[in-house]
C-alpha atoms as a PDB file:
ATOM      1  CA  UNK A   1      43.685  18.414 -18.815  1.00  0.00           C
ATOM      2  CA  UNK A   2      42.857  18.840 -15.256  1.00  0.00           C
ATOM      3  CA  UNK A   3      40.512  22.050 -15.694  1.00  0.00           C
ATOM      4  CA  UNK A   4      38.940  19.494 -18.804  1.00  0.00           C
ATOM      5  CA  UNK A   5      38.062  16.854 -16.598  1.00  0.00           C
ATOM      6  CA  UNK A   6      37.047  19.029 -13.619  1.00  0.00           C
ATOM      7  CA  UNK A   7      33.211  19.011 -14.752  1.00  0.00           C
ATOM      8  CA  UNK A   8      33.386  15.261 -15.232  1.00  0.00           C
ATOM      9  CA  UNK A   9      35.049  14.918 -11.454  1.00  0.00           C
ATOM     10  CA  UNK A  10      32.154  16.782  -9.609  1.00  0.00           C
ATOM     11  CA  UNK A  11      29.487  14.677 -12.071  1.00  0.00           C
ATOM     12  CA  UNK A  12      30.921  11.503 -10.595  1.00  0.00           C
ATOM     13  CA  UNK A  13      31.575  12.572  -7.325  1.00  0.00           C
ATOM     14  CA  UNK A  14      27.868  14.039  -7.340  1.00  0.00           C
ATOM     15  CA  UNK A  15      26.516  10.675  -8.736  1.00  0.00           C
ATOM     16  CA  UNK A  16      28.388   8.501  -6.219  1.00  0.00           C
ATOM     17  CA  UNK A  17      28.438  10.452  -3.075  1.00  0.00           C
ATOM     18  CA  UNK A  18      25.338  10.838  -0.570  1.00  0.00           C
ATOM     19  CA  UNK A  19      22.621  13.276  -0.300  1.00  0.00           C
ATOM     20  CA  UNK A  20      20.490  14.178   2.980  1.00  0.00           C
ATOM     21  CA  UNK A  21      19.490  10.861   4.945  1.00  0.00           C
ATOM     22  CA  UNK A  22      18.855  12.889   8.511  1.00  0.00           C
ATOM     23  CA  UNK A  23      15.512  12.288   9.747  1.00  0.00           C
ATOM     24  CA  UNK A  24      13.082  15.085   9.195  1.00  0.00           C
ATOM     25  CA  UNK A  25      11.353  15.447  12.725  1.00  0.00           C
ATOM     26  CA  UNK A  26       7.246  14.802  12.813  1.00  0.00           C
ATOM     27  CA  UNK A  27       4.512  17.763  13.700  1.00  0.00           C
ATOM     28  CA  UNK A  28       3.907  18.444  17.634  1.00  0.00           C
ATOM     29  CA  UNK A  29       0.544  17.008  18.873  1.00  0.00           C
ATOM     30  CA  UNK A  30       0.917  13.683  16.937  1.00  0.00           C
ATOM     31  CA  UNK A  31      -0.416  10.945  19.492  1.00  0.00           C
ATOM     32  CA  UNK A  32       2.253   8.127  20.076  1.00  0.00           C
ATOM     33  CA  UNK A  33       0.700   5.423  18.411  1.00  0.00           C
ATOM     34  CA  UNK A  34       0.421   7.558  14.881  1.00  0.00           C
ATOM     35  CA  UNK A  35       3.884   8.934  15.457  1.00  0.00           C
ATOM     36  CA  UNK A  36       4.870   5.572  15.616  1.00  0.00           C
ATOM     37  CA  UNK A  37       3.316   5.171  12.197  1.00  0.00           C
ATOM     38  CA  UNK A  38       4.444   8.231  10.484  1.00  0.00           C
ATOM     39  CA  UNK A  39       8.028   7.685  11.822  1.00  0.00           C
ATOM     40  CA  UNK A  40       8.574   4.256   9.635  1.00  0.00           C
ATOM     41  CA  UNK A  41       7.134   5.769   6.614  1.00  0.00           C
ATOM     42  CA  UNK A  42       9.903   8.894   7.065  1.00  0.00           C
ATOM     43  CA  UNK A  43      12.440   6.237   7.363  1.00  0.00           C
ATOM     44  CA  UNK A  44      11.524   4.583   5.135  1.00  0.00           C
ATOM     45  CA  UNK A  45      11.234   7.430   2.507  1.00  0.00           C
ATOM     46  CA  UNK A  46      14.454   8.579   3.553  1.00  0.00           C
ATOM     47  CA  UNK A  47      15.747   5.169   2.173  1.00  0.00           C
ATOM     48  CA  UNK A  48      13.719   5.568  -1.133  1.00  0.00           C
ATOM     49  CA  UNK A  49      15.241   8.938  -1.901  1.00  0.00           C
ATOM     50  CA  UNK A  50      16.708  11.650   0.702  1.00  0.00           C
ATOM     51  CA  UNK A  51      15.584  13.764   3.505  1.00  0.00           C
ATOM     52  CA  UNK A  52      13.736  16.373   1.236  1.00  0.00           C
ATOM     53  CA  UNK A  53      11.781  13.742   0.118  1.00  0.00           C
ATOM     54  CA  UNK A  54      10.644  12.558   3.308  1.00  0.00           C
ATOM     55  CA  UNK A  55       9.930  16.128   4.174  1.00  0.00           C
ATOM     56  CA  UNK A  56       7.877  16.606   1.305  1.00  0.00           C
ATOM     57  CA  UNK A  57       5.878  13.270   2.638  1.00  0.00           C
ATOM     58  CA  UNK A  58       5.430  15.272   5.993  1.00  0.00           C
ATOM     59  CA  UNK A  59       4.303  18.711   4.223  1.00  0.00           C
ATOM     60  CA  UNK A  60       1.479  16.814   2.266  1.00  0.00           C
ATOM     61  CA  UNK A  61       0.207  15.051   4.578  1.00  0.00           C
ATOM     62  CA  UNK A  62       0.118  18.268   7.199  1.00  0.00           C
ATOM     63  CA  UNK A  63      -2.770  19.380   4.647  1.00  0.00           C
ATOM     64  CA  UNK A  64      -5.103  17.114   6.379  1.00  0.00           C
ATOM     65  CA  UNK A  65      -3.714  17.075  10.148  1.00  0.00           C
ATOM     66  CA  UNK A  66      -6.933  18.254  12.227  1.00  0.00           C
ATOM     67  CA  UNK A  67      -8.906  18.850   9.053  1.00  0.00           C
ATOM     68  CA  UNK A  68     -12.491  19.189   9.723  1.00  0.00           C
ATOM     69  CA  UNK A  69     -14.100  16.050   7.984  1.00  0.00           C
ATOM     70  CA  UNK A  70     -10.740  13.927   8.673  1.00  0.00           C
ATOM     71  CA  UNK A  71     -11.030  11.723  11.541  1.00  0.00           C
ATOM     72  CA  UNK A  72      -8.091   9.972  13.097  1.00  0.00           C
ATOM     73  CA  UNK A  73      -8.753   7.087  10.900  1.00  0.00           C
ATOM     74  CA  UNK A  74      -8.893   8.598   8.059  1.00  0.00           C
ATOM     75  CA  UNK A  75      -5.960  10.598   8.416  1.00  0.00           C
ATOM     76  CA  UNK A  76      -3.970   7.488   9.314  1.00  0.00           C
ATOM     77  CA  UNK A  77      -5.246   5.527   5.908  1.00  0.00           C
ATOM     78  CA  UNK A  78      -4.208   8.748   4.084  1.00  0.00           C
ATOM     79  CA  UNK A  79      -0.573   8.846   6.045  1.00  0.00           C
ATOM     80  CA  UNK A  80      -0.434   4.747   5.055  1.00  0.00           C
ATOM     81  CA  UNK A  81      -1.261   5.255   1.168  1.00  0.00           C
ATOM     82  CA  UNK A  82       0.854   8.341   0.989  1.00  0.00           C
ATOM     83  CA  UNK A  83       3.843   6.707   1.944  1.00  0.00           C
ATOM     84  CA  UNK A  84       2.607   3.899  -1.075  1.00  0.00           C
ATOM     85  CA  UNK A  85       1.918   6.533  -3.344  1.00  0.00           C
ATOM     86  CA  UNK A  86       5.342   8.124  -3.153  1.00  0.00           C
ATOM     87  CA  UNK A  87       7.557   5.104  -2.718  1.00  0.00           C
ATOM     88  CA  UNK A  88       6.727   3.981  -6.625  1.00  0.00           C
ATOM     89  CA  UNK A  89       8.357   1.166  -8.474  1.00  0.00           C
ATOM     90  CA  UNK A  90      10.603   2.947 -10.977  1.00  0.00           C
ATOM     91  CA  UNK A  91      13.006   0.807 -12.025  1.00  0.00           C
ATOM     92  CA  UNK A  92      15.499   2.328  -9.173  1.00  0.00           C
ATOM     93  CA  UNK A  93      13.371   0.974  -6.604  1.00  0.00           C
ATOM     94  CA  UNK A  94      12.705  -2.308  -8.046  1.00  0.00           C
ATOM     95  CA  UNK A  95      17.142  -2.458  -8.039  1.00  0.00           C
ATOM     96  CA  UNK A  96      17.080  -1.196  -4.752  1.00  0.00           C
ATOM     97  CA  UNK A  97      14.412  -3.910  -3.497  1.00  0.00           C
ATOM     98  CA  UNK A  98      16.286  -6.593  -5.183  1.00  0.00           C
ATOM     99  CA  UNK A  99      19.519  -5.709  -4.436  1.00  0.00           C
ATOM    100  CA  UNK A 100      18.323  -5.407  -0.719  1.00  0.00           C
ATOM    101  CA  UNK A 101      18.988  -2.381  -0.291  1.00  0.00           C
ATOM    102  CA  UNK A 102      15.567  -1.462   0.684  1.00  0.00           C
ATOM    103  CA  UNK A 103      14.865  -3.184   4.406  1.00  0.00           C
ATOM    104  CA  UNK A 104      12.318  -0.416   4.875  1.00  0.00           C
ATOM    105  CA  UNK A 105       9.962  -0.861   2.138  1.00  0.00           C
ATOM    106  CA  UNK A 106       6.488  -1.460   2.422  1.00  0.00           C
ATOM    107  CA  UNK A 107       5.319  -5.230   2.167  1.00  0.00           C
ATOM    108  CA  UNK A 108       2.716  -3.865  -0.582  1.00  0.00           C
ATOM    109  CA  UNK A 109       5.309  -2.587  -2.613  1.00  0.00           C
ATOM    110  CA  UNK A 110       8.386  -4.722  -2.110  1.00  0.00           C
ATOM    111  CA  UNK A 111       7.236  -7.940  -3.836  1.00  0.00           C
ATOM    112  CA  UNK A 112       9.434  -8.358  -7.091  1.00  0.00           C
ATOM    113  CA  UNK A 113       8.867 -11.580  -8.385  1.00  0.00           C
ATOM    114  CA  UNK A 114       8.506 -11.557 -12.031  1.00  0.00           C
ATOM    115  CA  UNK A 115       8.422 -15.284 -13.869  1.00  0.00           C
ATOM    116  CA  UNK A 116      11.942 -17.339 -14.308  1.00  0.00           C
ATOM    117  CA  UNK A 117      13.525 -14.572 -12.505  1.00  0.00           C
ATOM    118  CA  UNK A 118      13.505 -12.210 -15.971  1.00  0.00           C
ATOM    119  CA  UNK A 119      12.773  -8.532 -15.132  1.00  0.00           C
ATOM    120  CA  UNK A 120      11.941  -6.923 -18.269  1.00  0.00           C
ATOM    121  CA  UNK A 121      11.405  -2.909 -17.776  1.00  0.00           C
ATOM    122  CA  UNK A 122      10.297  -1.147 -20.987  1.00  0.00           C
ATOM    123  CA  UNK A 123      12.716   0.966 -22.363  1.00  0.00           C
ATOM    124  CA  UNK A 124      10.256   4.245 -21.903  1.00  0.00           C
ATOM    125  CA  UNK A 125      10.783   3.167 -18.093  1.00  0.00           C
ATOM    126  CA  UNK A 126      14.555   3.169 -18.406  1.00  0.00           C
ATOM    127  CA  UNK A 127      14.577   6.176 -20.413  1.00  0.00           C
ATOM    128  CA  UNK A 128      12.129   7.953 -17.778  1.00  0.00           C
ATOM    129  CA  UNK A 129      15.217   7.979 -15.395  1.00  0.00           C
ATOM    130  CA  UNK A 130      16.887  10.218 -17.317  1.00  0.00           C
ATOM    131  CA  UNK A 131      16.446  14.486 -16.294  1.00  0.00           C
ATOM    132  CA  UNK A 132      12.936  15.358 -17.997  1.00  0.00           C
ATOM    133  CA  UNK A 133      14.029  17.433 -21.097  1.00  0.00           C
ATOM    134  CA  UNK A 134      16.771  14.743 -21.871  1.00  0.00           C
ATOM    135  CA  UNK A 135      14.614  12.108 -20.922  1.00  0.00           C
ATOM    136  CA  UNK A 136      11.733  13.811 -23.680  1.00  0.00           C
ATOM    137  CA  UNK A 137      14.424  14.294 -26.297  1.00  0.00           C
ATOM    138  CA  UNK A 138      15.309  10.779 -26.114  1.00  0.00           C
ATOM    139  CA  UNK A 139      11.928   9.196 -25.960  1.00  0.00           C
ATOM    140  CA  UNK A 140      11.340  11.361 -29.164  1.00  0.00           C
ATOM    141  CA  UNK A 141      14.006   9.739 -30.928  1.00  0.00           C
ATOM    142  CA  UNK A 142      13.192   6.081 -30.096  1.00  0.00           C
ATOM    143  CA  UNK A 143       9.733   6.806 -30.973  1.00  0.00           C
ATOM    144  CA  UNK A 144      10.646   7.671 -34.622  1.00  0.00           C
ATOM    145  CA  UNK A 145      12.646   4.418 -34.543  1.00  0.00           C
ATOM    146  CA  UNK A 146       9.516   2.510 -33.109  1.00  0.00           C
ATOM    147  CA  UNK A 147      11.724   1.664 -30.118  1.00  0.00           C
ATOM    148  CA  UNK A 148      10.229   3.170 -26.927  1.00  0.00           C
ATOM    149  CA  UNK A 149       7.996   0.351 -26.316  1.00  0.00           C
ATOM    150  CA  UNK A 150      10.675  -2.301 -26.431  1.00  0.00           C
ATOM    151  CA  UNK A 151      11.731  -3.975 -22.982  1.00  0.00           C
ATOM    152  CA  UNK A 152      15.298  -5.195 -21.854  1.00  0.00           C
ATOM    153  CA  UNK A 153      15.819  -8.281 -19.996  1.00  0.00           C
ATOM    154  CA  UNK A 154      17.850  -8.474 -16.952  1.00  0.00           C
ATOM    155  CA  UNK A 155      17.967 -11.516 -15.442  1.00  0.00           C
ATOM    156  CA  UNK A 156      17.820 -11.240 -11.564  1.00  0.00           C
ATOM    157  CA  UNK A 157      19.906 -14.566 -10.670  1.00  0.00           C
ATOM    158  CA  UNK A 158      23.017 -13.593 -13.235  1.00  0.00           C
ATOM    159  CA  UNK A 159      25.587 -11.512 -12.347  1.00  0.00           C
ATOM    160  CA  UNK A 160      25.398  -9.400 -15.440  1.00  0.00           C
ATOM    161  CA  UNK A 161      21.543  -8.625 -14.508  1.00  0.00           C
ATOM    162  CA  UNK A 162      22.855  -7.689 -10.520  1.00  0.00           C
ATOM    163  CA  UNK A 163      25.328  -5.431 -11.870  1.00  0.00           C
ATOM    164  CA  UNK A 164      22.359  -3.582 -14.437  1.00  0.00           C
ATOM    165  CA  UNK A 165      20.801  -3.510 -11.332  1.00  0.00           C
ATOM    166  CA  UNK A 166      23.735  -1.691  -9.738  1.00  0.00           C
ATOM    167  CA  UNK A 167      23.639   1.145 -12.758  1.00  0.00           C
ATOM    168  CA  UNK A 168      19.892   1.763 -11.807  1.00  0.00           C
ATOM    169  CA  UNK A 169      20.793   2.725  -8.470  1.00  0.00           C
ATOM    170  CA  UNK A 170      23.187   5.575  -9.645  1.00  0.00           C
ATOM    171  CA  UNK A 171      19.933   7.175 -11.081  1.00  0.00           C
ATOM    172  CA  UNK A 172      18.622   7.597  -7.658  1.00  0.00           C
ATOM    173  CA  UNK A 173      20.193  10.764  -6.938  1.00  0.00           C
ATOM    174  CA  UNK A 174      19.003  12.623 -10.178  1.00  0.00           C
ATOM    175  CA  UNK A 175      15.474  10.781  -9.759  1.00  0.00           C
ATOM    176  CA  UNK A 176      13.784  14.052  -8.546  1.00  0.00           C
ATOM    177  CA  UNK A 177      14.524  15.747 -12.053  1.00  0.00           C
ATOM    178  CA  UNK A 178      13.364  12.398 -13.772  1.00  0.00           C
ATOM    179  CA  UNK A 179      10.392  12.887 -15.988  1.00  0.00           C
ATOM    180  CA  UNK A 180       9.091   9.666 -14.517  1.00  0.00           C
ATOM    181  CA  UNK A 181       9.384  11.750 -11.151  1.00  0.00           C
ATOM    182  CA  UNK A 182       7.585  14.643 -12.507  1.00  0.00           C
ATOM    183  CA  UNK A 183       4.538  12.642 -13.693  1.00  0.00           C
ATOM    184  CA  UNK A 184       4.328  10.906 -10.194  1.00  0.00           C
ATOM    185  CA  UNK A 185       4.567  14.085  -8.360  1.00  0.00           C
ATOM    186  CA  UNK A 186       1.535  15.136 -10.452  1.00  0.00           C
ATOM    187  CA  UNK A 187      -0.636  12.583  -9.905  1.00  0.00           C
ATOM    188  CA  UNK A 188      -0.070  12.443  -6.168  1.00  0.00           C
ATOM    189  CA  UNK A 189      -0.900  16.040  -6.245  1.00  0.00           C
ATOM    190  CA  UNK A 190      -3.708  15.647  -8.129  1.00  0.00           C
ATOM    191  CA  UNK A 191      -4.913  12.427  -5.898  1.00  0.00           C
ATOM    192  CA  UNK A 192      -4.696  15.099  -2.576  1.00  0.00           C
ATOM    193  CA  UNK A 193      -6.144  17.846  -4.516  1.00  0.00           C
ATOM    194  CA  UNK A 194      -9.289  15.184  -5.328  1.00  0.00           C
ATOM    195  CA  UNK A 195      -9.411  14.787  -1.491  1.00  0.00           C
ATOM    196  CA  UNK A 196      -9.380  18.256  -0.969  1.00  0.00           C
ATOM    197  CA  UNK A 197     -12.521  18.904  -3.309  1.00  0.00           C
ATOM    198  CA  UNK A 198     -14.109  16.330  -2.023  1.00  0.00           C
ATOM    199  CA  UNK A 199     -14.064  17.716   1.560  1.00  0.00           C
ATOM    200  CA  UNK A 200     -15.322  20.593   0.163  1.00  0.00           C
ATOM    201  CA  UNK A 201     -18.034  19.325  -2.192  1.00  0.00           C
ATOM    202  CA  UNK A 202     -18.904  15.960  -1.376  1.00  0.00           C
ATOM    203  CA  UNK A 203     -17.501  15.101   2.176  1.00  0.00           C
ATOM    204  CA  UNK A 204     -19.478  11.697   1.937  1.00  0.00           C
ATOM    205  CA  UNK A 205     -17.314  10.517  -0.636  1.00  0.00           C
ATOM    206  CA  UNK A 206     -14.042  11.753   0.714  1.00  0.00           C
ATOM    207  CA  UNK A 207     -13.068   8.385   2.392  1.00  0.00           C
ATOM    208  CA  UNK A 208     -13.698   6.688  -1.023  1.00  0.00           C
ATOM    209  CA  UNK A 209     -11.571   9.316  -2.783  1.00  0.00           C
ATOM    210  CA  UNK A 210      -8.561   8.359  -0.239  1.00  0.00           C
ATOM    211  CA  UNK A 211      -9.272   4.904  -0.704  1.00  0.00           C
ATOM    212  CA  UNK A 212      -9.227   5.165  -4.462  1.00  0.00           C
ATOM    213  CA  UNK A 213      -5.250   5.244  -4.698  1.00  0.00           C
ATOM    214  CA  UNK A 214      -4.897   1.695  -3.064  1.00  0.00           C
ATOM    215  CA  UNK A 215      -5.694   0.625  -7.153  1.00  0.00           C
ATOM    216  CA  UNK A 216      -2.348   1.945  -8.026  1.00  0.00           C
ATOM    217  CA  UNK A 217       0.269  -0.445  -7.641  1.00  0.00           C
ATOM    218  CA  UNK A 218       2.904  -2.979  -8.880  1.00  0.00           C
ATOM    219  CA  UNK A 219       5.570  -1.844 -11.469  1.00  0.00           C
ATOM    220  CA  UNK A 220       5.780  -1.937 -15.216  1.00  0.00           C
ATOM    221  CA  UNK A 221       2.793  -2.362 -17.376  1.00  0.00           C
ATOM    222  CA  UNK A 222       0.624  -3.075 -14.588  1.00  0.00           C
ATOM    223  CA  UNK A 223       1.497  -0.162 -13.085  1.00  0.00           C
ATOM    224  CA  UNK A 224       0.449   1.915 -15.885  1.00  0.00           C
ATOM    225  CA  UNK A 225      -2.495   0.353 -16.136  1.00  0.00           C
ATOM    226  CA  UNK A 226      -3.614   0.839 -13.035  1.00  0.00           C
ATOM    227  CA  UNK A 227      -2.786   4.293 -13.075  1.00  0.00           C
ATOM    228  CA  UNK A 228      -4.630   4.451 -16.110  1.00  0.00           C
ATOM    229  CA  UNK A 229      -7.877   3.456 -14.543  1.00  0.00           C
ATOM    230  CA  UNK A 230      -7.360   5.494 -11.422  1.00  0.00           C
ATOM    231  CA  UNK A 231      -7.670   8.385 -13.611  1.00  0.00           C
ATOM    232  CA  UNK A 232     -10.562   6.869 -15.507  1.00  0.00           C
ATOM    233  CA  UNK A 233     -12.607   6.975 -12.316  1.00  0.00           C
ATOM    234  CA  UNK A 234     -11.586  10.365 -10.771  1.00  0.00           C
ATOM    235  CA  UNK A 235     -12.272  11.887 -14.844  1.00  0.00           C
ATOM    236  CA  UNK A 236     -15.362   9.912 -15.297  1.00  0.00           C
ATOM    237  CA  UNK A 237     -16.950  10.395 -12.135  1.00  0.00           C
ATOM    238  CA  UNK A 238     -15.165  12.349  -9.466  1.00  0.00           C
ATOM    239  CA  UNK A 239     -14.837  15.465 -11.438  1.00  0.00           C
ATOM    240  CA  UNK A 240     -17.785  15.954 -13.361  1.00  0.00           C
ATOM    241  CA  UNK A 241     -19.641  16.078  -9.665  1.00  0.00           C
ATOM    242  CA  UNK A 242     -17.256  17.944  -8.362  1.00  0.00           C
ATOM    243  CA  UNK A 243     -17.577  20.286 -10.975  1.00  0.00           C
ATOM    244  CA  UNK A 244     -21.621  20.280 -11.518  1.00  0.00           C
ATOM    245  CA  UNK A 245     -21.345  18.313 -14.379  1.00  0.00           C
ATOM    246  CA  UNK A 246     -23.140  15.024 -13.434  1.00  0.00           C
ATOM    247  CA  UNK A 247     -25.594  14.896 -10.518  1.00  0.00           C
ATOM    248  CA  UNK A 248     -24.690  11.304  -8.360  1.00  0.00           C
ATOM    249  CA  UNK A 249     -26.399  11.568  -4.951  1.00  0.00           C
ATOM    250  CA  UNK A 250     -24.262   8.666  -3.720  1.00  0.00           C
ATOM    251  CA  UNK A 251     -20.817   9.628  -5.163  1.00  0.00           C
ATOM    252  CA  UNK A 252     -19.335   7.552  -2.330  1.00  0.00           C
ATOM    253  CA  UNK A 253     -21.703   4.445  -3.621  1.00  0.00           C
ATOM    254  CA  UNK A 254     -20.330   4.664  -6.905  1.00  0.00           C
ATOM    255  CA  UNK A 255     -16.460   5.279  -6.399  1.00  0.00           C
ATOM    256  CA  UNK A 256     -17.013   2.248  -4.034  1.00  0.00           C
ATOM    257  CA  UNK A 257     -18.308   0.037  -6.666  1.00  0.00           C
ATOM    258  CA  UNK A 258     -15.797   1.248  -9.373  1.00  0.00           C
ATOM    259  CA  UNK A 259     -12.888   0.010  -7.301  1.00  0.00           C
ATOM    260  CA  UNK A 260     -14.690  -2.991  -6.659  1.00  0.00           C
ATOM    261  CA  UNK A 261     -14.717  -3.490 -10.305  1.00  0.00           C
ATOM    262  CA  UNK A 262     -11.222  -2.356 -11.331  1.00  0.00           C
ATOM    263  CA  UNK A 263      -9.692  -4.585  -8.575  1.00  0.00           C
ATOM    264  CA  UNK A 264     -11.819  -7.887  -9.870  1.00  0.00           C
ATOM    265  CA  UNK A 265     -10.344  -7.252 -13.234  1.00  0.00           C
ATOM    266  CA  UNK A 266      -7.305  -5.228 -13.730  1.00  0.00           C
ATOM    267  CA  UNK A 267      -7.782  -4.854 -17.658  1.00  0.00           C
ATOM    268  CA  UNK A 268      -9.786  -2.318 -17.134  1.00  0.00           C
ATOM    269  CA  UNK A 269     -12.775  -3.535 -19.126  1.00  0.00           C
ATOM    270  CA  UNK A 270     -15.237  -4.306 -16.201  1.00  0.00           C
ATOM    271  CA  UNK A 271     -14.332  -0.920 -14.875  1.00  0.00           C
ATOM    272  CA  UNK A 272     -15.191   1.029 -18.322  1.00  0.00           C
ATOM    273  CA  UNK A 273     -18.475  -1.181 -18.026  1.00  0.00           C
ATOM    274  CA  UNK A 274     -19.213  -0.129 -14.689  1.00  0.00           C
ATOM    275  CA  UNK A 275     -18.321   3.522 -15.154  1.00  0.00           C
ATOM    276  CA  UNK A 276     -21.029   3.464 -18.511  1.00  0.00           C
ATOM    277  CA  UNK A 277     -23.723   1.892 -16.093  1.00  0.00           C
ATOM    278  CA  UNK A 278     -23.519   4.201 -13.457  1.00  0.00           C
ATOM    279  CA  UNK A 279     -23.583   7.608 -15.643  1.00  0.00           C
ATOM    280  CA  UNK A 280     -26.305   5.969 -17.974  1.00  0.00           C
ATOM    281  CA  UNK A 281     -28.115   5.589 -14.846  1.00  0.00           C
ATOM    282  CA  UNK A 282     -27.492   9.531 -13.385  1.00  0.00           C
ATOM    283  CA  UNK A 283     -28.166  10.413 -16.719  1.00  0.00           C
ATOM    284  CA  UNK A 284     -31.272   8.838 -17.092  1.00  0.00           C
ATOM    285  CA  UNK A 285     -32.485  10.305 -13.121  1.00  0.00           C
ATOM    286  CA  UNK A 286     -31.702  13.345 -14.216  1.00  0.00           C
ATOM    287  CA  UNK A 287     -33.921  13.509 -17.361  1.00  0.00           C
ATOM    288  CA  UNK A 288     -36.690  12.087 -15.008  1.00  0.00           C
ATOM    289  CA  UNK A 289     -36.492  14.793 -12.331  1.00  0.00           C
ATOM    290  CA  UNK A 290     -36.477  17.661 -15.205  1.00  0.00           C
ATOM    291  CA  UNK A 291     -39.733  16.212 -16.762  1.00  0.00           C
END
């Protein structure tokens, strides 16, 4: 009997235990004012996940330290936006914030105030907290019975609701294996890759590529739409220019314009219209040049 229960005890100890909470060292040679900023972000990301996750932040940021084309001010923007991007508001983070387990959460990511104190995460969000393979299997099953897009109802001001949030907290230790983590990591890497490409192909647009990720915020359906809008901008403007498939002499101005459109209208309708106008104008200019 003891041998039968041994794997379950190990799993329980792992779920309820603690992982690395040490603070990884900052890179050498960072100015004191910037070091203070990085130190805050590193502490926050240890709180969000663990030591390894904060070290990943520093590793990602290191790609742009003392890089040609990256001013000190732009490096600071990357540092701030990367910390914000890596502290995404999945149900685990929402639970941390609501239960006062996230005192270091960035102000722009810590506002969780749903109408009537009713938090309604989609079942898809809950499923995405499971390890990737299992989450995909569960998602496929729920899709077949048309339940994946359903929503949970969690009353933040009631004991049962807060108990469900505490259940979400247990998923923090397996977050790095989760489907949501994989998707978020891939998206973050894509943003960093686009900064790299801008520095090589269109240096004047690098700052706007950096700032574009500020569009991605919130949680739940609004967050998913914001991320879709960001991908639309990259796929429709930045990537085609970098690939040589679209001629935009002032990509920086175009990106600033669509960022403003996406900010004004979160539905994406104004963004799509603005992108269509920019692309049409670019195609017409190219046609006139060829003639």
